Amino acid sequence: MTANSLLTADDPFEARVEHQPYHGKRILLVEDEPLICQFCVKALRNSGYVVDAAGDGTTAWIALQLYDYDLLITDNDLPTLSGVDLLKRLHAACFVLPVIMATGNYPQEEFNRHPHLPPATVLLKPYTVAKLLTVVNGALGATRNVQERWLIPDLQRLTDRGRQSSNPPFAE
């Protein structure tokens, strides 16, 4: 996988520029380690998700601007643009998207400096397929529940709850 390639939902091993039409929950996976990327893409697709993969933060940022995703799973240590920098761009652009940071190196200092940035969930490496799927299902389920109850008071309650805790839950 080249540093600036976007792997689309139908072909995890060959860099492509095409984007597949939306047929279900679409996930953007950002991982620069090819074996981890292939492992995650296969597990997610076998579970019925539509998955695009990017090997660096810049490619992921471009994909996020071009396509609609239901979930972003990103490593932090990436070429060209880190996971934290990707979160900063998402925040600045007012993207509403659940994020799972799947990383071996949780950037606590960075999140202490920017308390609005922590992802919804952190998945520490190494993790199992079962743990990945549990965390993904939880993140997408939480999003679905919020969308089903889209009322201003509910949004305010969620916003207030998010301010109370600046640390994201860790997936153990």
N, C-alpha and C. Protein backbone atom coordinates (compact mmCIF):
# COMPACT_ATOMS: atom_id res chain seq x y z
N MET A 1 0.85 -1.16 0.00
CA MET A 1 0.00 0.00 0.00
C MET A 1 0.90 1.23 0.00
N THR A 2 0.63 2.15 -0.88
CA THR A 2 1.42 3.37 -0.92
C THR A 2 0.93 4.32 0.15
N ALA A 3 1.77 5.27 0.51
CA ALA A 3 1.45 6.19 1.60
C ALA A 3 0.23 7.03 1.32
N ASN A 4 -0.10 7.27 0.07
CA ASN A 4 -1.23 8.14 -0.20
C ASN A 4 -2.38 7.42 -0.88
N SER A 5 -2.50 6.13 -0.69
CA SER A 5 -3.57 5.39 -1.36
C SER A 5 -4.76 5.20 -0.44
N LEU A 6 -5.93 5.20 -1.04
CA LEU A 6 -7.16 4.89 -0.34
C LEU A 6 -7.63 3.55 -0.86
N LEU A 7 -7.75 2.59 0.04
CA LEU A 7 -8.24 1.28 -0.36
C LEU A 7 -9.75 1.29 -0.16
N THR A 8 -10.48 1.00 -1.20
CA THR A 8 -11.92 1.07 -1.10
C THR A 8 -12.52 -0.26 -0.70
N ALA A 9 -13.79 -0.23 -0.43
CA ALA A 9 -14.48 -1.33 0.23
C ALA A 9 -14.39 -2.66 -0.50
N ASP A 10 -14.19 -2.68 -1.79
CA ASP A 10 -14.21 -3.97 -2.49
C ASP A 10 -12.84 -4.60 -2.68
N ASP A 11 -11.76 -3.90 -2.37
CA ASP A 11 -10.45 -4.44 -2.69
C ASP A 11 -9.42 -3.99 -1.65
N PRO A 12 -9.19 -4.79 -0.58
CA PRO A 12 -8.32 -4.33 0.49
C PRO A 12 -6.83 -4.37 0.16
N PHE A 13 -6.43 -5.01 -0.92
CA PHE A 13 -5.00 -5.18 -1.15
C PHE A 13 -4.48 -4.40 -2.34
N GLU A 14 -5.35 -3.72 -3.04
CA GLU A 14 -4.93 -3.02 -4.24
C GLU A 14 -5.37 -1.56 -4.14
N ALA A 15 -4.44 -0.62 -4.27
CA ALA A 15 -4.78 0.79 -4.16
C ALA A 15 -5.71 1.18 -5.30
N ARG A 16 -6.80 1.83 -4.94
CA ARG A 16 -7.80 2.24 -5.92
C ARG A 16 -8.27 3.64 -5.57
N VAL A 17 -8.79 4.33 -6.54
CA VAL A 17 -9.29 5.67 -6.32
C VAL A 17 -10.81 5.68 -6.28
N GLU A 18 -11.43 4.66 -6.83
CA GLU A 18 -12.88 4.60 -6.86
C GLU A 18 -13.43 4.48 -5.45
N HIS A 19 -14.67 4.91 -5.32
CA HIS A 19 -15.35 4.79 -4.05
C HIS A 19 -16.63 4.01 -4.29
N GLN A 20 -16.91 3.04 -3.46
CA GLN A 20 -18.08 2.19 -3.64
C GLN A 20 -19.32 2.90 -3.11
N PRO A 21 -20.48 2.65 -3.72
CA PRO A 21 -21.71 3.25 -3.22
C PRO A 21 -22.01 2.78 -1.80
N TYR A 22 -22.73 3.58 -1.08
CA TYR A 22 -23.08 3.31 0.31
C TYR A 22 -24.15 2.23 0.39
N HIS A 23 -23.88 1.12 1.07
CA HIS A 23 -24.85 0.03 1.22
C HIS A 23 -25.11 -0.33 2.68
N GLY A 24 -24.43 0.25 3.61
CA GLY A 24 -24.59 -0.10 5.02
C GLY A 24 -23.70 0.79 5.86
N LYS A 25 -23.37 0.35 7.05
CA LYS A 25 -22.49 1.13 7.92
C LYS A 25 -21.10 1.16 7.30
N ARG A 26 -20.62 2.36 7.02
CA ARG A 26 -19.33 2.54 6.36
C ARG A 26 -18.30 3.02 7.38
N ILE A 27 -17.17 2.35 7.38
CA ILE A 27 -16.09 2.64 8.32
C ILE A 27 -14.85 3.04 7.54
N LEU A 28 -14.17 4.09 8.02
CA LEU A 28 -12.85 4.43 7.48
C LEU A 28 -11.82 3.98 8.51
N LEU A 29 -10.94 3.08 8.08
CA LEU A 29 -9.86 2.57 8.92
C LEU A 29 -8.57 3.23 8.47
N VAL A 30 -7.85 3.83 9.42
CA VAL A 30 -6.58 4.50 9.11
C VAL A 30 -5.48 3.76 9.87
N GLU A 31 -4.68 3.02 9.12
CA GLU A 31 -3.63 2.19 9.71
C GLU A 31 -2.49 2.06 8.71
N ASP A 32 -1.27 2.36 9.16
CA ASP A 32 -0.13 2.31 8.25
C ASP A 32 0.60 0.97 8.26
N GLU A 33 0.28 0.08 9.18
CA GLU A 33 0.89 -1.25 9.21
C GLU A 33 0.04 -2.19 8.34
N PRO A 34 0.56 -2.64 7.19
CA PRO A 34 -0.25 -3.44 6.26
C PRO A 34 -0.90 -4.67 6.86
N LEU A 35 -0.20 -5.42 7.71
CA LEU A 35 -0.79 -6.63 8.28
C LEU A 35 -1.94 -6.31 9.23
N ILE A 36 -1.77 -5.29 10.05
CA ILE A 36 -2.84 -4.88 10.96
C ILE A 36 -4.03 -4.38 10.15
N CYS A 37 -3.76 -3.60 9.12
CA CYS A 37 -4.81 -3.07 8.26
C CYS A 37 -5.60 -4.22 7.62
N GLN A 38 -4.90 -5.18 7.04
CA GLN A 38 -5.58 -6.32 6.39
C GLN A 38 -6.39 -7.13 7.40
N PHE A 39 -5.83 -7.34 8.57
CA PHE A 39 -6.51 -8.06 9.64
C PHE A 39 -7.82 -7.37 10.01
N CYS A 40 -7.76 -6.06 10.23
CA CYS A 40 -8.95 -5.31 10.64
C CYS A 40 -9.98 -5.22 9.52
N VAL A 41 -9.53 -4.94 8.31
CA VAL A 41 -10.44 -4.84 7.17
C VAL A 41 -11.19 -6.16 6.99
N LYS A 42 -10.47 -7.26 7.04
CA LYS A 42 -11.11 -8.57 6.85
C LYS A 42 -12.13 -8.84 7.96
N ALA A 43 -11.75 -8.59 9.20
CA ALA A 43 -12.66 -8.84 10.33
C ALA A 43 -13.92 -7.98 10.23
N LEU A 44 -13.75 -6.72 9.88
CA LEU A 44 -14.90 -5.82 9.78
C LEU A 44 -15.81 -6.19 8.61
N ARG A 45 -15.21 -6.50 7.48
CA ARG A 45 -16.01 -6.89 6.31
C ARG A 45 -16.75 -8.21 6.55
N ASN A 46 -16.08 -9.17 7.20
CA ASN A 46 -16.73 -10.43 7.52
C ASN A 46 -17.90 -10.24 8.49
N SER A 47 -17.91 -9.12 9.19
CA SER A 47 -19.00 -8.80 10.11
C SER A 47 -20.07 -7.93 9.45
N GLY A 48 -19.92 -7.70 8.16
CA GLY A 48 -20.97 -7.00 7.42
C GLY A 48 -20.78 -5.51 7.23
N TYR A 49 -19.64 -4.98 7.65
CA TYR A 49 -19.40 -3.55 7.47
C TYR A 49 -18.77 -3.28 6.10
N VAL A 50 -19.00 -2.09 5.60
CA VAL A 50 -18.34 -1.61 4.40
C VAL A 50 -17.13 -0.82 4.90
N VAL A 51 -15.93 -1.20 4.42
CA VAL A 51 -14.71 -0.61 4.98
C VAL A 51 -13.83 -0.03 3.89
N ASP A 52 -13.42 1.22 4.09
CA ASP A 52 -12.37 1.84 3.28
C ASP A 52 -11.15 1.94 4.20
N ALA A 53 -9.96 1.83 3.64
CA ALA A 53 -8.75 1.90 4.44
C ALA A 53 -7.79 2.92 3.85
N ALA A 54 -7.15 3.67 4.72
CA ALA A 54 -6.13 4.64 4.31
C ALA A 54 -4.86 4.33 5.10
N GLY A 55 -3.71 4.49 4.44
CA GLY A 55 -2.43 4.17 5.07
C GLY A 55 -1.75 5.36 5.72
N ASP A 56 -2.36 6.54 5.66
CA ASP A 56 -1.78 7.71 6.30
C ASP A 56 -2.88 8.73 6.60
N GLY A 57 -2.56 9.69 7.44
CA GLY A 57 -3.56 10.66 7.87
C GLY A 57 -4.03 11.60 6.78
N THR A 58 -3.17 11.97 5.87
CA THR A 58 -3.57 12.89 4.80
C THR A 58 -4.58 12.23 3.87
N THR A 59 -4.34 11.00 3.49
CA THR A 59 -5.29 10.28 2.64
C THR A 59 -6.63 10.12 3.37
N ALA A 60 -6.57 9.84 4.67
CA ALA A 60 -7.79 9.72 5.46
C ALA A 60 -8.57 11.03 5.47
N TRP A 61 -7.87 12.14 5.64
CA TRP A 61 -8.53 13.45 5.67
C TRP A 61 -9.23 13.73 4.34
N ILE A 62 -8.59 13.41 3.26
CA ILE A 62 -9.20 13.60 1.94
C ILE A 62 -10.45 12.72 1.81
N ALA A 63 -10.34 11.47 2.21
CA ALA A 63 -11.49 10.55 2.14
C ALA A 63 -12.65 11.05 3.00
N LEU A 64 -12.35 11.57 4.19
CA LEU A 64 -13.40 12.08 5.07
C LEU A 64 -14.14 13.27 4.45
N GLN A 65 -13.44 14.04 3.66
CA GLN A 65 -14.09 15.18 3.00
C GLN A 65 -14.91 14.76 1.79
N LEU A 66 -14.51 13.65 1.17
CA LEU A 66 -15.18 13.21 -0.06
C LEU A 66 -16.36 12.28 0.19
N TYR A 67 -16.30 11.46 1.22
CA TYR A 67 -17.28 10.40 1.42
C TYR A 67 -17.88 10.49 2.81
N ASP A 68 -19.05 9.88 2.96
CA ASP A 68 -19.72 9.81 4.25
C ASP A 68 -19.35 8.52 4.97
N TYR A 69 -18.96 8.67 6.21
CA TYR A 69 -18.61 7.51 7.03
C TYR A 69 -19.44 7.55 8.31
N ASP A 70 -19.69 6.36 8.84
CA ASP A 70 -20.40 6.22 10.10
C ASP A 70 -19.45 6.13 11.28
N LEU A 71 -18.18 5.79 11.00
CA LEU A 71 -17.20 5.59 12.06
C LEU A 71 -15.80 5.75 11.49
N LEU A 72 -14.92 6.33 12.29
CA LEU A 72 -13.50 6.43 11.96
C LEU A 72 -12.73 5.64 13.00
N ILE A 73 -11.88 4.73 12.52
CA ILE A 73 -10.95 4.01 13.39
C ILE A 73 -9.56 4.44 12.94
N THR A 74 -8.79 5.03 13.85
CA THR A 74 -7.48 5.53 13.45
C THR A 74 -6.40 5.18 14.46
N ASP A 75 -5.24 4.91 13.93
CA ASP A 75 -4.04 4.80 14.75
C ASP A 75 -3.61 6.22 15.06
N ASN A 76 -2.68 6.40 15.97
CA ASN A 76 -2.15 7.74 16.22
C ASN A 76 -0.86 7.96 15.47
N ASP A 77 0.03 7.00 15.51
CA ASP A 77 1.34 7.15 14.88
C ASP A 77 1.22 6.81 13.40
N LEU A 78 0.98 7.83 12.59
CA LEU A 78 0.76 7.67 11.15
C LEU A 78 1.70 8.58 10.37
N PRO A 79 2.02 8.19 9.15
CA PRO A 79 2.79 9.10 8.30
C PRO A 79 1.92 10.28 7.87
N THR A 80 2.51 11.39 7.65
CA THR A 80 1.98 12.64 7.08
C THR A 80 1.04 13.41 8.00
N LEU A 81 0.24 12.74 8.78
CA LEU A 81 -0.72 13.42 9.66
C LEU A 81 -1.09 12.43 10.75
N SER A 82 -0.82 12.77 12.00
CA SER A 82 -1.09 11.82 13.09
C SER A 82 -2.59 11.69 13.36
N GLY A 83 -2.93 10.68 14.15
CA GLY A 83 -4.32 10.51 14.54
C GLY A 83 -4.84 11.71 15.30
N VAL A 84 -4.01 12.29 16.18
CA VAL A 84 -4.40 13.48 16.93
C VAL A 84 -4.62 14.66 15.97
N ASP A 85 -3.73 14.82 15.00
CA ASP A 85 -3.92 15.90 14.02
C ASP A 85 -5.18 15.70 13.20
N LEU A 86 -5.50 14.46 12.91
CA LEU A 86 -6.73 14.15 12.20
C LEU A 86 -7.94 14.55 13.05
N LEU A 87 -7.89 14.24 14.35
CA LEU A 87 -8.96 14.66 15.25
C LEU A 87 -9.08 16.18 15.32
N LYS A 88 -7.96 16.87 15.31
CA LYS A 88 -7.99 18.35 15.32
C LYS A 88 -8.69 18.87 14.08
N ARG A 89 -8.41 18.29 12.94
CA ARG A 89 -9.06 18.72 11.70
C ARG A 89 -10.56 18.41 11.72
N LEU A 90 -10.91 17.24 12.22
CA LEU A 90 -12.33 16.89 12.34
C LEU A 90 -13.06 17.90 13.23
N HIS A 91 -12.45 18.23 14.34
CA HIS A 91 -13.05 19.19 15.27
C HIS A 91 -13.18 20.57 14.63
N ALA A 92 -12.14 21.03 13.98
CA ALA A 92 -12.16 22.35 13.35
C ALA A 92 -13.21 22.43 12.24
N ALA A 93 -13.44 21.32 11.55
CA ALA A 93 -14.41 21.29 10.45
C ALA A 93 -15.81 20.93 10.94
N CYS A 94 -15.98 20.77 12.25
CA CYS A 94 -17.27 20.44 12.87
C CYS A 94 -17.86 19.13 12.36
N PHE A 95 -17.01 18.15 12.11
CA PHE A 95 -17.47 16.82 11.73
C PHE A 95 -18.10 16.15 12.95
N VAL A 96 -19.23 15.53 12.77
CA VAL A 96 -19.85 14.73 13.82
C VAL A 96 -19.68 13.28 13.42
N LEU A 97 -18.72 12.62 14.03
CA LEU A 97 -18.36 11.28 13.64
C LEU A 97 -17.73 10.59 14.85
N PRO A 98 -18.24 9.41 15.23
CA PRO A 98 -17.57 8.71 16.33
C PRO A 98 -16.19 8.24 15.88
N VAL A 99 -15.25 8.30 16.81
CA VAL A 99 -13.87 7.93 16.51
C VAL A 99 -13.38 6.92 17.53
N ILE A 100 -12.75 5.88 17.03
CA ILE A 100 -12.04 4.92 17.87
C ILE A 100 -10.56 5.10 17.56
N MET A 101 -9.76 5.36 18.59
CA MET A 101 -8.31 5.42 18.38
C MET A 101 -7.75 4.07 18.76
N ALA A 102 -7.31 3.32 17.76
CA ALA A 102 -6.71 1.99 17.96
C ALA A 102 -5.21 2.18 17.88
N THR A 103 -4.57 2.22 19.02
CA THR A 103 -3.16 2.61 19.05
C THR A 103 -2.41 1.90 20.17
N GLY A 104 -1.14 1.80 20.02
CA GLY A 104 -0.28 1.27 21.07
C GLY A 104 0.30 2.38 21.91
N ASN A 105 0.09 3.62 21.48
CA ASN A 105 0.68 4.77 22.13
C ASN A 105 -0.39 5.84 22.32
N TYR A 106 -1.09 5.82 23.45
CA TYR A 106 -2.14 6.79 23.71
C TYR A 106 -1.52 8.16 24.04
N PRO A 107 -1.84 9.19 23.28
CA PRO A 107 -1.22 10.51 23.45
C PRO A 107 -1.88 11.34 24.56
N GLN A 108 -1.76 10.90 25.81
CA GLN A 108 -2.42 11.56 26.94
C GLN A 108 -2.04 13.03 27.06
N GLU A 109 -0.76 13.36 26.88
CA GLU A 109 -0.32 14.76 26.99
C GLU A 109 -1.05 15.66 25.99
N GLU A 110 -1.16 15.17 24.76
CA GLU A 110 -1.84 15.93 23.71
C GLU A 110 -3.30 16.16 24.06
N PHE A 111 -3.95 15.13 24.59
CA PHE A 111 -5.35 15.27 24.97
C PHE A 111 -5.53 16.12 26.21
N ASN A 112 -4.54 16.16 27.08
CA ASN A 112 -4.59 17.07 28.23
C ASN A 112 -4.54 18.52 27.75
N ARG A 113 -3.75 18.79 26.71
CA ARG A 113 -3.66 20.15 26.15
C ARG A 113 -4.92 20.53 25.37
N HIS A 114 -5.60 19.55 24.80
CA HIS A 114 -6.79 19.77 23.97
C HIS A 114 -7.91 18.87 24.48
N PRO A 115 -8.58 19.25 25.58
CA PRO A 115 -9.56 18.36 26.21
C PRO A 115 -10.80 18.08 25.35
N HIS A 116 -11.00 18.80 24.30
CA HIS A 116 -12.15 18.57 23.40
C HIS A 116 -11.85 17.49 22.35
N LEU A 117 -10.62 17.02 22.28
CA LEU A 117 -10.22 16.10 21.21
C LEU A 117 -10.33 14.61 21.48
N PRO A 118 -10.28 14.13 22.70
CA PRO A 118 -10.20 12.68 22.87
C PRO A 118 -11.30 11.94 22.10
N PRO A 119 -10.93 10.80 21.53
CA PRO A 119 -11.92 10.01 20.80
C PRO A 119 -12.93 9.40 21.75
N ALA A 120 -14.03 8.90 21.22
CA ALA A 120 -15.06 8.27 22.04
C ALA A 120 -14.51 7.06 22.77
N THR A 121 -13.66 6.29 22.10
CA THR A 121 -13.11 5.07 22.69
C THR A 121 -11.66 4.90 22.24
N VAL A 122 -10.87 4.32 23.13
CA VAL A 122 -9.49 3.99 22.80
C VAL A 122 -9.36 2.47 22.87
N LEU A 123 -8.81 1.91 21.82
CA LEU A 123 -8.57 0.47 21.75
C LEU A 123 -7.06 0.28 21.72
N LEU A 124 -6.51 -0.21 22.82
CA LEU A 124 -5.06 -0.35 22.90
C LEU A 124 -4.59 -1.62 22.20
N LYS A 125 -3.51 -1.46 21.42
CA LYS A 125 -2.89 -2.59 20.74
C LYS A 125 -2.02 -3.34 21.73
N PRO A 126 -1.94 -4.63 21.59
CA PRO A 126 -2.61 -5.50 20.63
C PRO A 126 -4.03 -5.80 21.11
N TYR A 127 -4.93 -6.05 20.17
CA TYR A 127 -6.31 -6.38 20.51
C TYR A 127 -6.76 -7.57 19.66
N THR A 128 -7.84 -8.19 20.09
CA THR A 128 -8.37 -9.35 19.39
C THR A 128 -9.48 -8.92 18.43
N VAL A 129 -9.86 -9.82 17.53
CA VAL A 129 -10.98 -9.55 16.63
C VAL A 129 -12.24 -9.31 17.46
N ALA A 130 -12.45 -10.14 18.48
CA ALA A 130 -13.64 -10.00 19.32
C ALA A 130 -13.69 -8.62 19.97
N LYS A 131 -12.55 -8.15 20.47
CA LYS A 131 -12.52 -6.83 21.11
C LYS A 131 -12.78 -5.72 20.10
N LEU A 132 -12.15 -5.82 18.93
CA LEU A 132 -12.38 -4.83 17.87
C LEU A 132 -13.86 -4.74 17.52
N LEU A 133 -14.49 -5.88 17.31
CA LEU A 133 -15.90 -5.89 16.92
C LEU A 133 -16.81 -5.39 18.04
N THR A 134 -16.48 -5.72 19.27
CA THR A 134 -17.26 -5.22 20.41
C THR A 134 -17.21 -3.70 20.48
N VAL A 135 -16.02 -3.15 20.33
CA VAL A 135 -15.85 -1.71 20.40
C VAL A 135 -16.54 -1.02 19.22
N VAL A 136 -16.40 -1.57 18.02
CA VAL A 136 -17.04 -1.00 16.83
C VAL A 136 -18.56 -1.04 16.98
N ASN A 137 -19.09 -2.20 17.38
CA ASN A 137 -20.54 -2.32 17.57
C ASN A 137 -21.04 -1.34 18.63
N GLY A 138 -20.27 -1.17 19.69
CA GLY A 138 -20.64 -0.21 20.73
C GLY A 138 -20.65 1.22 20.23
N ALA A 139 -19.63 1.59 19.48
CA ALA A 139 -19.55 2.95 18.94
C ALA A 139 -20.69 3.23 17.97
N LEU A 140 -20.97 2.29 17.10
CA LEU A 140 -22.05 2.47 16.13
C LEU A 140 -23.41 2.40 16.81
N GLY A 141 -23.55 1.57 17.84
CA GLY A 141 -24.81 1.50 18.58
C GLY A 141 -25.09 2.78 19.33
N ALA A 142 -24.05 3.37 19.93
CA ALA A 142 -24.23 4.64 20.64
C ALA A 142 -24.64 5.73 19.67
N THR A 143 -24.06 5.74 18.47
CA THR A 143 -24.42 6.72 17.46
C THR A 143 -25.86 6.53 17.03
N ARG A 144 -26.27 5.29 16.80
CA ARG A 144 -27.64 5.01 16.37
C ARG A 144 -28.62 5.47 17.43
N ASN A 145 -28.32 5.21 18.72
CA ASN A 145 -29.22 5.62 19.79
C ASN A 145 -29.38 7.13 19.84
N VAL A 146 -28.31 7.86 19.63
CA VAL A 146 -28.38 9.32 19.64
C VAL A 146 -29.22 9.79 18.46
N GLN A 147 -29.01 9.19 17.28
CA GLN A 147 -29.77 9.60 16.10
C GLN A 147 -31.25 9.29 16.27
N GLU A 148 -31.60 8.18 16.91
CA GLU A 148 -32.99 7.82 17.10
C GLU A 148 -33.68 8.76 18.08
N ARG A 149 -32.95 9.34 19.00
CA ARG A 149 -33.54 10.24 19.99
C ARG A 149 -33.07 11.67 19.77
N TRP A 150 -33.05 12.12 18.55
CA TRP A 150 -32.48 13.42 18.21
C TRP A 150 -33.40 14.55 18.65
N LEU A 151 -33.28 14.93 19.92
CA LEU A 151 -34.03 16.03 20.47
C LEU A 151 -33.03 16.98 21.10
N ILE A 152 -33.31 18.26 21.06
CA ILE A 152 -32.39 19.26 21.61
C ILE A 152 -32.06 18.97 23.08
N PRO A 153 -33.03 18.66 23.97
CA PRO A 153 -32.65 18.35 25.35
C PRO A 153 -31.69 17.16 25.44
N ASP A 154 -31.91 16.13 24.61
CA ASP A 154 -31.00 14.98 24.63
C ASP A 154 -29.61 15.38 24.17
N LEU A 155 -29.53 16.21 23.14
CA LEU A 155 -28.24 16.67 22.66
C LEU A 155 -27.53 17.46 23.75
N GLN A 156 -28.26 18.32 24.46
CA GLN A 156 -27.65 19.10 25.53
C GLN A 156 -27.15 18.20 26.64
N ARG A 157 -27.94 17.17 27.02
CA ARG A 157 -27.53 16.25 28.07
C ARG A 157 -26.26 15.51 27.66
N LEU A 158 -26.18 15.07 26.39
CA LEU A 158 -24.99 14.38 25.92
C LEU A 158 -23.79 15.30 25.93
N THR A 159 -23.99 16.54 25.52
CA THR A 159 -22.91 17.52 25.51
C THR A 159 -22.41 17.77 26.92
N ASP A 160 -23.33 17.92 27.87
CA ASP A 160 -22.95 18.16 29.25
C ASP A 160 -22.20 16.97 29.83
N ARG A 161 -22.65 15.74 29.51
CA ARG A 161 -21.99 14.55 30.00
C ARG A 161 -20.57 14.47 29.44
N GLY A 162 -20.38 14.84 28.18
CA GLY A 162 -19.07 14.81 27.57
C GLY A 162 -18.10 15.79 28.21
N ARG A 163 -18.63 16.91 28.71
CA ARG A 163 -17.77 17.91 29.36
C ARG A 163 -17.31 17.43 30.73
N GLN A 164 -18.12 16.58 31.38
CA GLN A 164 -17.78 16.12 32.71
C GLN A 164 -16.55 15.21 32.70
N SER A 165 -16.37 14.47 31.62
CA SER A 165 -15.27 13.52 31.55
C SER A 165 -14.41 13.82 30.34
N SER A 166 -13.18 14.25 30.57
CA SER A 166 -12.31 14.56 29.45
C SER A 166 -11.53 13.35 28.98
N ASN A 167 -11.64 12.23 29.70
CA ASN A 167 -10.92 11.03 29.32
C ASN A 167 -11.87 10.06 28.63
N PRO A 168 -11.48 9.55 27.46
CA PRO A 168 -12.34 8.60 26.77
C PRO A 168 -12.30 7.25 27.47
N PRO A 169 -13.35 6.47 27.30
CA PRO A 169 -13.29 5.13 27.89
C PRO A 169 -12.28 4.27 27.14
N PHE A 170 -11.55 3.49 27.87
CA PHE A 170 -10.60 2.57 27.24
C PHE A 170 -11.28 1.23 27.09
N ALA A 171 -11.07 0.64 25.96
CA ALA A 171 -11.57 -0.71 25.72
C ALA A 171 -10.56 -1.68 26.30
N GLU A 172 -10.97 -2.43 27.28
CA GLU A 172 -10.05 -3.36 27.94
C GLU A 172 -10.21 -4.75 27.41
